[in-house]
Amino acid sequence: QVQPVESGGGLVQTGGSLRLSCTASGRPIGSYATGWFRQGPGKERELVAAISSNGLSIYTVDSVKDRFTISRDNPENVVYLQMNSLKPEDTAVYYCAAGPRWSSIAVIRVDDYEYWGRGTQVTVSS
């Protein structure tokens, strides 16, 4: 099985940028549809962006579409979330999750994600 591992979180000022990385132990993350989720204080976990196994199908939630970009480098076994123009409301724990193997579409249902990382904290100061 695959075990996602997130990195790249931290404290940044409003308007700043961060790039989150998701690698994996066990099976390579490259064969799995992958999603980035976040859970802010007092909020439910929400999907931020998703990408198919081959990287050709991408979904990004409207609230971040102009600022966040999901991508993957399968030979390097990593999925990225580039976050620009960060706002205080982006403050959350960000999770990487692995969904169906060999999926040719970005997966947007949270129930379809079976393997989850522990999360990385992103804090945006005003």
Foldseek 3Di string as FASTA:
>chain_A
DKAKAKDWADEAAQQAKIKMKIAIPDDQLLQFWKWKWWDDVPGDIATAKTAGSPRPAIDGDPVQVVFWDWGDDRVVSMIMIIGGRDDQVVWTWMKMFTFDGNGPYTDHDPVRTDHIYPTDTHGYHD
